[in-house]
């Protein structure tokens, strides 16, 4: 997180998605999901699906926060966050995750997106 904040403060020419991941994307969504999966003794396949969901959703959360705060990298727009949210939703595999999990995670994506 400190590395991402530093890069943002100095105006480093970094990819907006990578910067969002460094600034907080990995600990706002992805990390808590993986901790929960570990505590529940979820399979590697379930953990992988949660990671595929959590990574882009955490990045979207950070991009939206940066947009609200006026800290977004040049060229970053709401559409970038919406694409990440759609990517997260696409990772919700009903063949791997149970229906309640898919529904709950979908609601989380809605909350991040402000729906």
N, C-alpha and C. Protein backbone atom coordinates (compact mmCIF):
# COMPACT_ATOMS: atom_id res chain seq x y z
N UNK A 1 0.82 -1.18 0.00
CA UNK A 1 0.00 0.00 0.00
C UNK A 1 0.88 1.26 0.00
N UNK A 2 1.93 1.24 0.79
CA UNK A 2 2.81 2.40 0.87
C UNK A 2 3.47 2.69 -0.48
N UNK A 3 3.85 1.63 -1.20
CA UNK A 3 4.47 1.83 -2.51
C UNK A 3 3.49 2.49 -3.47
N UNK A 4 2.25 2.05 -3.47
CA UNK A 4 1.25 2.65 -4.35
C UNK A 4 0.97 4.10 -4.00
N UNK A 5 0.86 4.38 -2.70
CA UNK A 5 0.64 5.77 -2.27
C UNK A 5 1.81 6.65 -2.67
N UNK A 6 3.03 6.15 -2.50
CA UNK A 6 4.22 6.90 -2.88
C UNK A 6 4.22 7.20 -4.38
N UNK A 7 3.96 6.18 -5.18
CA UNK A 7 3.94 6.38 -6.63
C UNK A 7 2.87 7.39 -7.03
N UNK A 8 1.72 7.32 -6.36
CA UNK A 8 0.66 8.27 -6.65
C UNK A 8 1.06 9.70 -6.27
N UNK A 9 1.71 9.85 -5.15
CA UNK A 9 2.10 11.18 -4.68
C UNK A 9 3.16 11.83 -5.55
N UNK A 10 4.07 11.04 -6.05
CA UNK A 10 5.14 11.62 -6.88
C UNK A 10 4.72 11.74 -8.35
N UNK A 11 3.51 11.26 -8.65
CA UNK A 11 3.03 11.36 -10.02
C UNK A 11 3.75 10.44 -10.98
N UNK A 12 4.18 9.30 -10.48
CA UNK A 12 4.90 8.35 -11.33
C UNK A 12 4.03 7.90 -12.49
N UNK A 13 4.68 7.66 -13.60
CA UNK A 13 3.98 7.19 -14.79
C UNK A 13 3.77 5.68 -14.65
N UNK A 14 2.71 5.31 -13.94
CA UNK A 14 2.41 3.89 -13.70
C UNK A 14 1.04 3.57 -14.27
N UNK A 15 0.87 2.33 -14.67
CA UNK A 15 -0.41 1.85 -15.15
C UNK A 15 -1.46 2.06 -14.04
N UNK A 16 -2.60 2.64 -14.39
CA UNK A 16 -3.61 2.97 -13.39
C UNK A 16 -4.11 1.74 -12.65
N UNK A 17 -4.25 0.63 -13.35
CA UNK A 17 -4.73 -0.58 -12.70
C UNK A 17 -3.70 -1.11 -11.70
N UNK A 18 -2.43 -1.09 -12.08
CA UNK A 18 -1.37 -1.55 -11.18
C UNK A 18 -1.27 -0.64 -9.97
N UNK A 19 -1.40 0.66 -10.20
CA UNK A 19 -1.35 1.62 -9.12
C UNK A 19 -2.51 1.41 -8.15
N UNK A 20 -3.71 1.15 -8.68
CA UNK A 20 -4.88 0.89 -7.83
C UNK A 20 -4.66 -0.37 -7.01
N UNK A 21 -4.07 -1.36 -7.61
CA UNK A 21 -3.79 -2.60 -6.89
C UNK A 21 -2.82 -2.35 -5.75
N UNK A 22 -1.78 -1.60 -6.03
CA UNK A 22 -0.78 -1.31 -5.00
C UNK A 22 -1.36 -0.44 -3.89
N UNK A 23 -2.20 0.52 -4.26
CA UNK A 23 -2.73 1.46 -3.26
C UNK A 23 -3.74 0.84 -2.32
N UNK A 24 -4.37 -0.23 -2.70
CA UNK A 24 -5.33 -0.80 -1.76
C UNK A 24 -6.18 -1.90 -2.32
N UNK A 25 -6.10 -2.15 -3.60
CA UNK A 25 -6.94 -3.16 -4.21
C UNK A 25 -6.78 -4.54 -3.61
N UNK A 26 -5.58 -4.87 -3.20
CA UNK A 26 -5.36 -6.23 -2.72
C UNK A 26 -5.86 -6.45 -1.30
N UNK A 27 -5.97 -5.40 -0.51
CA UNK A 27 -6.41 -5.63 0.86
C UNK A 27 -7.86 -5.23 1.12
N UNK A 28 -8.50 -4.55 0.19
CA UNK A 28 -9.89 -4.16 0.43
C UNK A 28 -10.89 -5.26 0.11
N UNK A 29 -10.60 -6.07 -0.88
CA UNK A 29 -11.53 -7.13 -1.28
C UNK A 29 -10.82 -8.48 -1.36
N UNK A 30 -9.79 -8.55 -2.16
CA UNK A 30 -9.12 -9.83 -2.42
C UNK A 30 -8.59 -10.48 -1.14
N UNK A 31 -7.87 -9.73 -0.35
CA UNK A 31 -7.29 -10.27 0.88
C UNK A 31 -8.33 -10.84 1.84
N UNK A 32 -9.36 -10.06 2.17
CA UNK A 32 -10.39 -10.59 3.06
C UNK A 32 -11.09 -11.84 2.51
N UNK A 33 -11.33 -11.88 1.21
CA UNK A 33 -11.95 -13.08 0.62
C UNK A 33 -11.04 -14.29 0.79
N UNK A 34 -9.75 -14.11 0.56
CA UNK A 34 -8.83 -15.23 0.67
C UNK A 34 -8.63 -15.67 2.12
N UNK A 35 -8.68 -14.73 3.05
CA UNK A 35 -8.62 -15.09 4.46
C UNK A 35 -9.84 -15.91 4.84
N UNK A 36 -11.01 -15.46 4.40
CA UNK A 36 -12.24 -16.22 4.66
C UNK A 36 -12.20 -17.61 4.05
N UNK A 37 -11.68 -17.70 2.83
CA UNK A 37 -11.57 -19.01 2.17
C UNK A 37 -10.64 -19.93 2.95
N UNK A 38 -9.53 -19.37 3.44
CA UNK A 38 -8.59 -20.19 4.21
C UNK A 38 -9.22 -20.66 5.52
N UNK A 39 -9.93 -19.76 6.19
CA UNK A 39 -10.58 -20.12 7.45
C UNK A 39 -11.67 -21.17 7.25
N UNK A 40 -12.32 -21.12 6.09
CA UNK A 40 -13.37 -22.08 5.77
C UNK A 40 -12.82 -23.37 5.17
N UNK A 41 -11.49 -23.41 5.03
CA UNK A 41 -10.82 -24.56 4.43
C UNK A 41 -11.37 -24.86 3.02
N UNK A 42 -11.55 -23.76 2.26
CA UNK A 42 -12.06 -23.88 0.90
C UNK A 42 -11.00 -24.54 0.01
N UNK A 43 -11.48 -25.14 -1.06
CA UNK A 43 -10.56 -25.77 -2.01
C UNK A 43 -9.74 -24.71 -2.74
N UNK A 44 -8.66 -25.16 -3.34
CA UNK A 44 -7.82 -24.26 -4.14
C UNK A 44 -8.64 -23.66 -5.28
N UNK A 45 -9.52 -24.45 -5.87
CA UNK A 45 -10.34 -23.95 -6.97
C UNK A 45 -11.25 -22.81 -6.50
N UNK A 46 -11.87 -22.96 -5.35
CA UNK A 46 -12.73 -21.90 -4.80
C UNK A 46 -11.88 -20.67 -4.51
N UNK A 47 -10.73 -20.85 -3.86
CA UNK A 47 -9.86 -19.72 -3.55
C UNK A 47 -9.41 -18.99 -4.83
N UNK A 48 -9.12 -19.76 -5.86
CA UNK A 48 -8.71 -19.15 -7.13
C UNK A 48 -9.84 -18.32 -7.73
N UNK A 49 -11.05 -18.83 -7.68
CA UNK A 49 -12.21 -18.07 -8.20
C UNK A 49 -12.43 -16.80 -7.38
N UNK A 50 -12.27 -16.91 -6.07
CA UNK A 50 -12.42 -15.73 -5.22
C UNK A 50 -11.34 -14.70 -5.52
N UNK A 51 -10.14 -15.17 -5.79
CA UNK A 51 -9.05 -14.27 -6.15
C UNK A 51 -9.34 -13.58 -7.48
N UNK A 52 -9.85 -14.34 -8.45
CA UNK A 52 -10.20 -13.76 -9.76
C UNK A 52 -11.31 -12.73 -9.64
N UNK A 53 -12.18 -12.89 -8.66
CA UNK A 53 -13.25 -11.92 -8.39
C UNK A 53 -12.70 -10.72 -7.61
N UNK A 54 -11.95 -11.00 -6.56
CA UNK A 54 -11.51 -9.96 -5.65
C UNK A 54 -10.48 -9.00 -6.22
N UNK A 55 -9.59 -9.50 -7.04
CA UNK A 55 -8.54 -8.63 -7.58
C UNK A 55 -9.12 -7.46 -8.39
N UNK A 56 -9.93 -7.71 -9.42
CA UNK A 56 -10.45 -6.56 -10.17
C UNK A 56 -11.44 -5.72 -9.36
N UNK A 57 -12.19 -6.35 -8.45
CA UNK A 57 -13.14 -5.56 -7.67
C UNK A 57 -12.41 -4.64 -6.70
N UNK A 58 -11.33 -5.11 -6.10
CA UNK A 58 -10.52 -4.25 -5.24
C UNK A 58 -9.90 -3.10 -6.01
N UNK A 59 -9.45 -3.38 -7.22
CA UNK A 59 -8.89 -2.33 -8.06
C UNK A 59 -9.96 -1.31 -8.44
N UNK A 60 -11.16 -1.80 -8.74
CA UNK A 60 -12.27 -0.89 -9.06
C UNK A 60 -12.59 -0.01 -7.86
N UNK A 61 -12.63 -0.61 -6.67
CA UNK A 61 -12.89 0.14 -5.46
C UNK A 61 -11.87 1.28 -5.30
N UNK A 62 -10.59 0.97 -5.52
CA UNK A 62 -9.54 1.98 -5.37
C UNK A 62 -9.65 3.04 -6.46
N UNK A 63 -9.92 2.64 -7.70
CA UNK A 63 -10.08 3.63 -8.77
C UNK A 63 -11.23 4.58 -8.47
N UNK A 64 -12.35 4.02 -7.99
CA UNK A 64 -13.50 4.86 -7.66
C UNK A 64 -13.16 5.81 -6.52
N UNK A 65 -12.42 5.32 -5.53
CA UNK A 65 -11.99 6.18 -4.43
C UNK A 65 -11.10 7.30 -4.96
N UNK A 66 -10.17 6.96 -5.84
CA UNK A 66 -9.29 7.98 -6.42
C UNK A 66 -10.07 9.00 -7.25
N UNK A 67 -11.06 8.53 -7.98
CA UNK A 67 -11.89 9.45 -8.76
C UNK A 67 -12.65 10.40 -7.84
N UNK A 68 -13.21 9.87 -6.76
CA UNK A 68 -13.96 10.72 -5.81
C UNK A 68 -13.05 11.74 -5.13
N UNK A 69 -11.83 11.31 -4.81
CA UNK A 69 -10.88 12.19 -4.11
C UNK A 69 -10.12 13.13 -5.04
N UNK A 70 -10.25 12.92 -6.34
CA UNK A 70 -9.50 13.74 -7.29
C UNK A 70 -8.05 13.29 -7.44
N UNK A 71 -7.75 12.07 -6.98
CA UNK A 71 -6.39 11.54 -7.03
C UNK A 71 -6.16 10.58 -8.18
N UNK A 72 -7.12 10.44 -9.06
CA UNK A 72 -7.02 9.45 -10.14
C UNK A 72 -5.92 9.85 -11.13
N UNK A 73 -5.28 8.84 -11.66
CA UNK A 73 -4.26 9.08 -12.68
C UNK A 73 -4.91 9.72 -13.90
N UNK A 74 -4.16 10.51 -14.64
CA UNK A 74 -4.71 11.12 -15.84
C UNK A 74 -5.28 10.06 -16.79
N UNK A 75 -6.46 10.34 -17.31
CA UNK A 75 -7.10 9.43 -18.25
C UNK A 75 -7.98 8.38 -17.62
N UNK A 76 -7.95 8.24 -16.30
CA UNK A 76 -8.79 7.25 -15.62
C UNK A 76 -10.20 7.83 -15.51
N UNK A 77 -11.17 7.00 -15.86
CA UNK A 77 -12.57 7.43 -15.82
C UNK A 77 -13.43 6.34 -15.20
N UNK A 78 -14.66 6.68 -14.96
CA UNK A 78 -15.62 5.75 -14.36
C UNK A 78 -15.73 4.46 -15.18
N UNK A 79 -15.61 4.58 -16.49
CA UNK A 79 -15.73 3.40 -17.35
C UNK A 79 -14.65 2.36 -17.02
N UNK A 80 -13.48 2.82 -16.58
CA UNK A 80 -12.40 1.89 -16.21
C UNK A 80 -12.81 1.07 -15.00
N UNK A 81 -13.40 1.71 -14.01
CA UNK A 81 -13.88 1.00 -12.83
C UNK A 81 -15.02 0.05 -13.19
N UNK A 82 -15.91 0.51 -14.06
CA UNK A 82 -17.03 -0.35 -14.47
C UNK A 82 -16.55 -1.59 -15.20
N UNK A 83 -15.50 -1.46 -15.99
CA UNK A 83 -14.94 -2.64 -16.68
C UNK A 83 -14.36 -3.63 -15.68
N UNK A 84 -13.71 -3.12 -14.64
CA UNK A 84 -13.15 -4.00 -13.61
C UNK A 84 -14.27 -4.70 -12.83
N UNK A 85 -15.34 -3.99 -12.56
CA UNK A 85 -16.48 -4.60 -11.87
C UNK A 85 -17.09 -5.70 -12.74
N UNK A 86 -17.21 -5.44 -14.03
CA UNK A 86 -17.73 -6.47 -14.95
C UNK A 86 -16.79 -7.67 -14.99
N UNK A 87 -15.48 -7.43 -14.97
CA UNK A 87 -14.50 -8.52 -14.94
C UNK A 87 -14.67 -9.36 -13.68
N UNK A 88 -14.89 -8.69 -12.56
CA UNK A 88 -15.11 -9.41 -11.29
C UNK A 88 -16.37 -10.26 -11.38
N UNK A 89 -17.44 -9.68 -11.88
CA UNK A 89 -18.70 -10.43 -12.01
C UNK A 89 -18.54 -11.65 -12.90
N UNK A 90 -17.77 -11.50 -13.97
CA UNK A 90 -17.55 -12.61 -14.89
C UNK A 90 -16.81 -13.77 -14.22
N UNK A 91 -16.08 -13.48 -13.14
CA UNK A 91 -15.33 -14.52 -12.44
C UNK A 91 -16.21 -15.34 -11.49
N UNK A 92 -17.44 -14.92 -11.29
CA UNK A 92 -18.34 -15.64 -10.39
C UNK A 92 -18.88 -16.87 -11.10
N UNK A 93 -18.21 -17.98 -10.89
CA UNK A 93 -18.51 -19.23 -11.57
C UNK A 93 -19.47 -20.08 -10.73
N UNK A 94 -20.73 -20.19 -11.16
CA UNK A 94 -21.70 -20.97 -10.38
C UNK A 94 -21.40 -22.47 -10.35
N UNK A 95 -20.49 -22.91 -11.20
CA UNK A 95 -20.08 -24.32 -11.16
C UNK A 95 -19.07 -24.58 -10.05
N UNK A 96 -18.47 -23.51 -9.53
CA UNK A 96 -17.46 -23.65 -8.48
C UNK A 96 -17.96 -23.09 -7.16
N UNK A 97 -18.62 -21.95 -7.21
CA UNK A 97 -19.12 -21.28 -6.01
C UNK A 97 -20.61 -21.61 -5.84
N UNK A 98 -21.04 -21.75 -4.60
CA UNK A 98 -22.46 -22.06 -4.41
C UNK A 98 -23.31 -20.83 -4.71
N UNK A 99 -24.59 -21.05 -4.92
CA UNK A 99 -25.50 -19.99 -5.36
C UNK A 99 -25.54 -18.83 -4.38
N UNK A 100 -25.53 -19.12 -3.08
CA UNK A 100 -25.56 -18.05 -2.09
C UNK A 100 -24.30 -17.18 -2.18
N UNK A 101 -23.17 -17.80 -2.40
CA UNK A 101 -21.91 -17.05 -2.53
C UNK A 101 -21.94 -16.17 -3.77
N UNK A 102 -22.41 -16.72 -4.88
CA UNK A 102 -22.49 -15.94 -6.12
C UNK A 102 -23.40 -14.73 -5.91
N UNK A 103 -24.53 -14.94 -5.24
CA UNK A 103 -25.46 -13.85 -4.99
C UNK A 103 -24.84 -12.79 -4.07
N UNK A 104 -24.21 -13.22 -2.99
CA UNK A 104 -23.60 -12.29 -2.04
C UNK A 104 -22.47 -11.50 -2.68
N UNK A 105 -21.64 -12.18 -3.46
CA UNK A 105 -20.52 -11.51 -4.11
C UNK A 105 -21.02 -10.54 -5.19
N UNK A 106 -22.10 -10.92 -5.86
CA UNK A 106 -22.72 -10.02 -6.84
C UNK A 106 -23.22 -8.75 -6.16
N UNK A 107 -23.79 -8.89 -4.97
CA UNK A 107 -24.25 -7.73 -4.21
C UNK A 107 -23.07 -6.84 -3.81
N UNK A 108 -21.97 -7.49 -3.44
CA UNK A 108 -20.76 -6.73 -3.10
C UNK A 108 -20.29 -5.92 -4.31
N UNK A 109 -20.30 -6.53 -5.47
CA UNK A 109 -19.90 -5.81 -6.70
C UNK A 109 -20.84 -4.64 -6.94
N UNK A 110 -22.14 -4.83 -6.70
CA UNK A 110 -23.10 -3.75 -6.85
C UNK A 110 -22.79 -2.59 -5.90
N UNK A 111 -22.44 -2.94 -4.66
CA UNK A 111 -22.12 -1.90 -3.67
C UNK A 111 -20.89 -1.11 -4.08
N UNK A 112 -19.87 -1.79 -4.56
CA UNK A 112 -18.67 -1.10 -4.99
C UNK A 112 -18.99 -0.17 -6.15
N UNK A 113 -19.82 -0.66 -7.07
CA UNK A 113 -20.18 0.14 -8.24
C UNK A 113 -21.20 1.22 -7.96
N UNK A 114 -21.76 1.21 -6.77
CA UNK A 114 -22.75 2.24 -6.42
C UNK A 114 -24.12 1.97 -6.94
N UNK A 115 -24.39 0.71 -7.35
CA UNK A 115 -25.72 0.38 -7.88
C UNK A 115 -26.72 0.22 -6.77
